[in-house]
Amino acid sequence: MDKDYKRIVQQKCIYFNMRIICEKAGINYSTYRGWKNNGRAFSQKKAKCLYETMIEIIKS
């Protein structure tokens, strides 16, 4: 079963500096903020990329 990366990112973002996570993931921070605050479109692929970047930061 596929993970719901959007839900995971939304729940865990409070523990990270998302500006840095977005920068490292190659995702525009304003795109992330538009999704989180205003419900704008955000792909599962981008959410997965943010999730994987969060995991990399935790491991380092």
PDB file of N, CA and C in Angstrom:
ATOM      1  N   MET A   1       0.838  -1.181   0.000  1.00  0.00           N
ATOM      2  CA  MET A   1       0.000   0.000   0.000  1.00  0.00           C
ATOM      3  C   MET A   1       0.888   1.252   0.000  1.00  0.00           C
ATOM      4  N   ASP A   2       0.555   2.204  -0.842  1.00  0.00           N
ATOM      5  CA  ASP A   2       1.332   3.437  -0.939  1.00  0.00           C
ATOM      6  C   ASP A   2       1.117   4.307   0.292  1.00  0.00           C
ATOM      7  N   LYS A   3       2.171   4.979   0.687  1.00  0.00           N
ATOM      8  CA  LYS A   3       2.069   5.916   1.802  1.00  0.00           C
ATOM      9  C   LYS A   3       1.365   7.182   1.330  1.00  0.00           C
ATOM     10  N   ASP A   4       0.665   7.822   2.234  1.00  0.00           N
ATOM     11  CA  ASP A   4       0.045   9.113   1.942  1.00  0.00           C
ATOM     12  C   ASP A   4       1.060  10.196   2.318  1.00  0.00           C
ATOM     13  N   TYR A   5       1.958  10.487   1.385  1.00  0.00           N
ATOM     14  CA  TYR A   5       3.062  11.406   1.661  1.00  0.00           C
ATOM     15  C   TYR A   5       2.569  12.811   2.005  1.00  0.00           C
ATOM     16  N   LYS A   6       1.489  13.247   1.388  1.00  0.00           N
ATOM     17  CA  LYS A   6       0.965  14.581   1.685  1.00  0.00           C
ATOM     18  C   LYS A   6       0.559  14.682   3.151  1.00  0.00           C
ATOM     19  N   ARG A   7      -0.123  13.678   3.634  1.00  0.00           N
ATOM     20  CA  ARG A   7      -0.575  13.678   5.027  1.00  0.00           C
ATOM     21  C   ARG A   7       0.624  13.639   5.978  1.00  0.00           C
ATOM     22  N   ILE A   8       1.589  12.791   5.666  1.00  0.00           N
ATOM     23  CA  ILE A   8       2.781  12.664   6.513  1.00  0.00           C
ATOM     24  C   ILE A   8       3.543  13.985   6.568  1.00  0.00           C
ATOM     25  N   VAL A   9       3.760  14.600   5.414  1.00  0.00           N
ATOM     26  CA  VAL A   9       4.491  15.875   5.365  1.00  0.00           C
ATOM     27  C   VAL A   9       3.735  16.936   6.151  1.00  0.00           C
ATOM     28  N   GLN A  10       2.430  16.981   5.987  1.00  0.00           N
ATOM     29  CA  GLN A  10       1.633  17.986   6.684  1.00  0.00           C
ATOM     30  C   GLN A  10       1.707  17.801   8.201  1.00  0.00           C
ATOM     31  N   GLN A  11       1.734  16.576   8.658  1.00  0.00           N
ATOM     32  CA  GLN A  11       1.805  16.311  10.096  1.00  0.00           C
ATOM     33  C   GLN A  11       3.194  16.578  10.665  1.00  0.00           C
ATOM     34  N   LYS A  12       4.232  16.256   9.927  1.00  0.00           N
ATOM     35  CA  LYS A  12       5.600  16.329  10.448  1.00  0.00           C
ATOM     36  C   LYS A  12       6.307  17.651  10.173  1.00  0.00           C
ATOM     37  N   CYS A  13       5.714  18.522   9.368  1.00  0.00           N
ATOM     38  CA  CYS A  13       6.389  19.766   8.982  1.00  0.00           C
ATOM     39  C   CYS A  13       6.678  20.673  10.176  1.00  0.00           C
ATOM     40  N   ILE A  14       5.955  20.510  11.267  1.00  0.00           N
ATOM     41  CA  ILE A  14       6.186  21.370  12.435  1.00  0.00           C
ATOM     42  C   ILE A  14       7.550  21.126  13.077  1.00  0.00           C
ATOM     43  N   TYR A  15       8.159  20.000  12.760  1.00  0.00           N
ATOM     44  CA  TYR A  15       9.454  19.646  13.346  1.00  0.00           C
ATOM     45  C   TYR A  15      10.647  20.081  12.491  1.00  0.00           C
ATOM     46  N   PHE A  16      10.387  20.665  11.327  1.00  0.00           N
ATOM     47  CA  PHE A  16      11.445  21.001  10.379  1.00  0.00           C
ATOM     48  C   PHE A  16      11.356  22.455   9.945  1.00  0.00           C
ATOM     49  N   ASN A  17      12.492  22.999   9.512  1.00  0.00           N
ATOM     50  CA  ASN A  17      12.510  24.280   8.825  1.00  0.00           C
ATOM     51  C   ASN A  17      12.193  23.956   7.365  1.00  0.00           C
ATOM     52  N   MET A  18      10.948  24.157   6.989  1.00  0.00           N
ATOM     53  CA  MET A  18      10.502  23.711   5.671  1.00  0.00           C
ATOM     54  C   MET A  18      11.114  24.516   4.535  1.00  0.00           C
ATOM     55  N   ARG A  19      11.571  25.711   4.810  1.00  0.00           N
ATOM     56  CA  ARG A  19      12.268  26.476   3.766  1.00  0.00           C
ATOM     57  C   ARG A  19      13.539  25.727   3.352  1.00  0.00           C
ATOM     58  N   ILE A  20      14.260  25.188   4.328  1.00  0.00           N
ATOM     59  CA  ILE A  20      15.483  24.425   4.058  1.00  0.00           C
ATOM     60  C   ILE A  20      15.144  23.094   3.394  1.00  0.00           C
ATOM     61  N   ILE A  21      14.124  22.420   3.879  1.00  0.00           N
ATOM     62  CA  ILE A  21      13.713  21.137   3.296  1.00  0.00           C
ATOM     63  C   ILE A  21      13.341  21.333   1.829  1.00  0.00           C
ATOM     64  N   CYS A  22      12.560  22.365   1.544  1.00  0.00           N
ATOM     65  CA  CYS A  22      12.163  22.634   0.158  1.00  0.00           C
ATOM     66  C   CYS A  22      13.376  22.929  -0.717  1.00  0.00           C
ATOM     67  N   GLU A  23      14.307  23.715  -0.196  1.00  0.00           N
ATOM     68  CA  GLU A  23      15.520  24.055  -0.945  1.00  0.00           C
ATOM     69  C   GLU A  23      16.309  22.794  -1.289  1.00  0.00           C
ATOM     70  N   LYS A  24      16.504  21.925  -0.300  1.00  0.00           N
ATOM     71  CA  LYS A  24      17.263  20.692  -0.527  1.00  0.00           C
ATOM     72  C   LYS A  24      16.524  19.735  -1.462  1.00  0.00           C
ATOM     73  N   ALA A  25      15.194  19.773  -1.438  1.00  0.00           N
ATOM     74  CA  ALA A  25      14.391  18.888  -2.281  1.00  0.00           C
ATOM     75  C   ALA A  25      14.204  19.449  -3.692  1.00  0.00           C
ATOM     76  N   GLY A  26      14.590  20.709  -3.896  1.00  0.00           N
ATOM     77  CA  GLY A  26      14.429  21.323  -5.211  1.00  0.00           C
ATOM     78  C   GLY A  26      12.996  21.726  -5.511  1.00  0.00           C
ATOM     79  N   ILE A  27      12.246  22.047  -4.464  1.00  0.00           N
ATOM     80  CA  ILE A  27      10.847  22.448  -4.612  1.00  0.00           C
ATOM     81  C   ILE A  27      10.727  23.897  -4.165  1.00  0.00           C
ATOM     82  N   ASN A  28      10.026  24.691  -4.951  1.00  0.00           N
ATOM     83  CA  ASN A  28       9.843  26.097  -4.631  1.00  0.00           C
ATOM     84  C   ASN A  28       9.068  26.219  -3.319  1.00  0.00           C
ATOM     85  N   TYR A  29       9.599  26.988  -2.380  1.00  0.00           N
ATOM     86  CA  TYR A  29       8.968  27.134  -1.070  1.00  0.00           C
ATOM     87  C   TYR A  29       7.566  27.727  -1.191  1.00  0.00           C
ATOM     88  N   SER A  30       7.376  28.649  -2.115  1.00  0.00           N
ATOM     89  CA  SER A  30       6.046  29.254  -2.272  1.00  0.00           C
ATOM     90  C   SER A  30       5.025  28.233  -2.776  1.00  0.00           C
ATOM     91  N   THR A  31       5.468  27.248  -3.542  1.00  0.00           N
ATOM     92  CA  THR A  31       4.576  26.169  -3.977  1.00  0.00           C
ATOM     93  C   THR A  31       4.131  25.352  -2.770  1.00  0.00           C
ATOM     94  N   TYR A  32       5.074  25.027  -1.903  1.00  0.00           N
ATOM     95  CA  TYR A  32       4.756  24.290  -0.675  1.00  0.00           C
ATOM     96  C   TYR A  32       3.790  25.088   0.196  1.00  0.00           C
ATOM     97  N   ARG A  33       4.079  26.371   0.415  1.00  0.00           N
ATOM     98  CA  ARG A  33       3.221  27.212   1.265  1.00  0.00           C
ATOM     99  C   ARG A  33       1.826  27.368   0.668  1.00  0.00           C
ATOM    100  N   GLY A  34       1.747  27.482  -0.642  1.00  0.00           N
ATOM    101  CA  GLY A  34       0.442  27.577  -1.295  1.00  0.00           C
ATOM    102  C   GLY A  34      -0.403  26.341  -1.051  1.00  0.00           C
ATOM    103  N   TRP A  35       0.235  25.188  -1.066  1.00  0.00           N
ATOM    104  CA  TRP A  35      -0.479  23.935  -0.791  1.00  0.00           C
ATOM    105  C   TRP A  35      -0.880  23.862   0.680  1.00  0.00           C
ATOM    106  N   LYS A  36       0.070  24.118   1.558  1.00  0.00           N
ATOM    107  CA  LYS A  36      -0.197  23.951   2.993  1.00  0.00           C
ATOM    108  C   LYS A  36      -1.228  24.953   3.511  1.00  0.00           C
ATOM    109  N   ASN A  37      -1.119  26.201   3.111  1.00  0.00           N
ATOM    110  CA  ASN A  37      -1.987  27.248   3.665  1.00  0.00           C
ATOM    111  C   ASN A  37      -3.260  27.494   2.873  1.00  0.00           C
ATOM    112  N   ASN A  38      -3.221  27.272   1.571  1.00  0.00           N
ATOM    113  CA  ASN A  38      -4.358  27.650   0.731  1.00  0.00           C
ATOM    114  C   ASN A  38      -4.975  26.495  -0.040  1.00  0.00           C
ATOM    115  N   GLY A  39      -4.446  25.288   0.149  1.00  0.00           N
ATOM    116  CA  GLY A  39      -5.025  24.123  -0.511  1.00  0.00           C
ATOM    117  C   GLY A  39      -4.785  24.057  -2.009  1.00  0.00           C
ATOM    118  N   ARG A  40      -3.765  24.753  -2.484  1.00  0.00           N
ATOM    119  CA  ARG A  40      -3.454  24.696  -3.918  1.00  0.00           C
ATOM    120  C   ARG A  40      -2.903  23.327  -4.285  1.00  0.00           C
ATOM    121  N   ALA A  41      -2.896  23.046  -5.563  1.00  0.00           N
ATOM    122  CA  ALA A  41      -2.454  21.738  -6.063  1.00  0.00           C
ATOM    123  C   ALA A  41      -1.013  21.446  -5.643  1.00  0.00           C
ATOM    124  N   PHE A  42      -0.775  20.200  -5.276  1.00  0.00           N
ATOM    125  CA  PHE A  42       0.556  19.745  -4.867  1.00  0.00           C
ATOM    126  C   PHE A  42       0.601  18.256  -5.158  1.00  0.00           C
ATOM    127  N   SER A  43       1.531  17.847  -5.982  1.00  0.00           N
ATOM    128  CA  SER A  43       1.560  16.447  -6.418  1.00  0.00           C
ATOM    129  C   SER A  43       2.070  15.518  -5.328  1.00  0.00           C
ATOM    130  N   GLN A  44       1.652  14.277  -5.423  1.00  0.00           N
ATOM    131  CA  GLN A  44       2.130  13.242  -4.503  1.00  0.00           C
ATOM    132  C   GLN A  44       3.639  13.054  -4.689  1.00  0.00           C
ATOM    133  N   LYS A  45       4.118  13.260  -5.919  1.00  0.00           N
ATOM    134  CA  LYS A  45       5.551  13.132  -6.213  1.00  0.00           C
ATOM    135  C   LYS A  45       6.362  14.176  -5.439  1.00  0.00           C
ATOM    136  N   LYS A  46       5.878  15.413  -5.399  1.00  0.00           N
ATOM    137  CA  LYS A  46       6.570  16.464  -4.650  1.00  0.00           C
ATOM    138  C   LYS A  46       6.522  16.169  -3.157  1.00  0.00           C
ATOM    139  N   ALA A  47       5.380  15.697  -2.683  1.00  0.00           N
ATOM    140  CA  ALA A  47       5.252  15.356  -1.263  1.00  0.00           C
ATOM    141  C   ALA A  47       6.220  14.236  -0.898  1.00  0.00           C
ATOM    142  N   LYS A  48       6.363  13.260  -1.788  1.00  0.00           N
ATOM    143  CA  LYS A  48       7.296  12.158  -1.538  1.00  0.00           C
ATOM    144  C   LYS A  48       8.727  12.682  -1.488  1.00  0.00           C
ATOM    145  N   CYS A  49       9.052  13.602  -2.370  1.00  0.00           N
ATOM    146  CA  CYS A  49      10.390  14.196  -2.394  1.00  0.00           C
ATOM    147  C   CYS A  49      10.669  14.937  -1.081  1.00  0.00           C
ATOM    148  N   LEU A  50       9.695  15.697  -0.591  1.00  0.00           N
ATOM    149  CA  LEU A  50       9.855  16.382   0.693  1.00  0.00           C
ATOM    150  C   LEU A  50      10.029  15.376   1.822  1.00  0.00           C
ATOM    151  N   TYR A  51       9.228  14.333   1.807  1.00  0.00           N
ATOM    152  CA  TYR A  51       9.305  13.281   2.831  1.00  0.00           C
ATOM    153  C   TYR A  51      10.696  12.644   2.841  1.00  0.00           C
ATOM    154  N   GLU A  52      11.188  12.284   1.668  1.00  0.00           N
ATOM    155  CA  GLU A  52      12.505  11.646   1.578  1.00  0.00           C
ATOM    156  C   GLU A  52      13.614  12.588   2.035  1.00  0.00           C
ATOM    157  N   THR A  53      13.464  13.872   1.746  1.00  0.00           N
ATOM    158  CA  THR A  53      14.445  14.857   2.199  1.00  0.00           C
ATOM    159  C   THR A  53      14.413  14.979   3.718  1.00  0.00           C
ATOM    160  N   MET A  54      13.230  14.953   4.300  1.00  0.00           N
ATOM    161  CA  MET A  54      13.106  14.985   5.760  1.00  0.00           C
ATOM    162  C   MET A  54      13.824  13.785   6.384  1.00  0.00           C
ATOM    163  N   ILE A  55      13.640  12.614   5.796  1.00  0.00           N
ATOM    164  CA  ILE A  55      14.282  11.397   6.299  1.00  0.00           C
ATOM    165  C   ILE A  55      15.804  11.528   6.205  1.00  0.00           C
ATOM    166  N   GLU A  56      16.304  12.064   5.086  1.00  0.00           N
ATOM    167  CA  GLU A  56      17.753  12.262   4.924  1.00  0.00           C
ATOM    168  C   GLU A  56      18.308  13.185   6.006  1.00  0.00           C
ATOM    169  N   ILE A  57      17.576  14.250   6.309  1.00  0.00           N
ATOM    170  CA  ILE A  57      18.011  15.200   7.340  1.00  0.00           C
ATOM    171  C   ILE A  57      18.068  14.509   8.701  1.00  0.00           C
ATOM    172  N   ILE A  58      17.074  13.696   8.994  1.00  0.00           N
ATOM    173  CA  ILE A  58      17.044  12.972  10.273  1.00  0.00           C
ATOM    174  C   ILE A  58      18.250  12.050  10.389  1.00  0.00           C
ATOM    175  N   LYS A  59      18.595  11.380   9.309  1.00  0.00           N
ATOM    176  CA  LYS A  59      19.691  10.407   9.328  1.00  0.00           C
ATOM    177  C   LYS A  59      21.064  11.060   9.391  1.00  0.00           C
ATOM    178  N   SER A  60      21.170  12.308   8.967  1.00  0.00           N
ATOM    179  CA  SER A  60      22.493  12.950   8.931  1.00  0.00           C
ATOM    180  C   SER A  60      22.892  13.529  10.269  1.00  0.00           C
TER     181      SER A  60
END
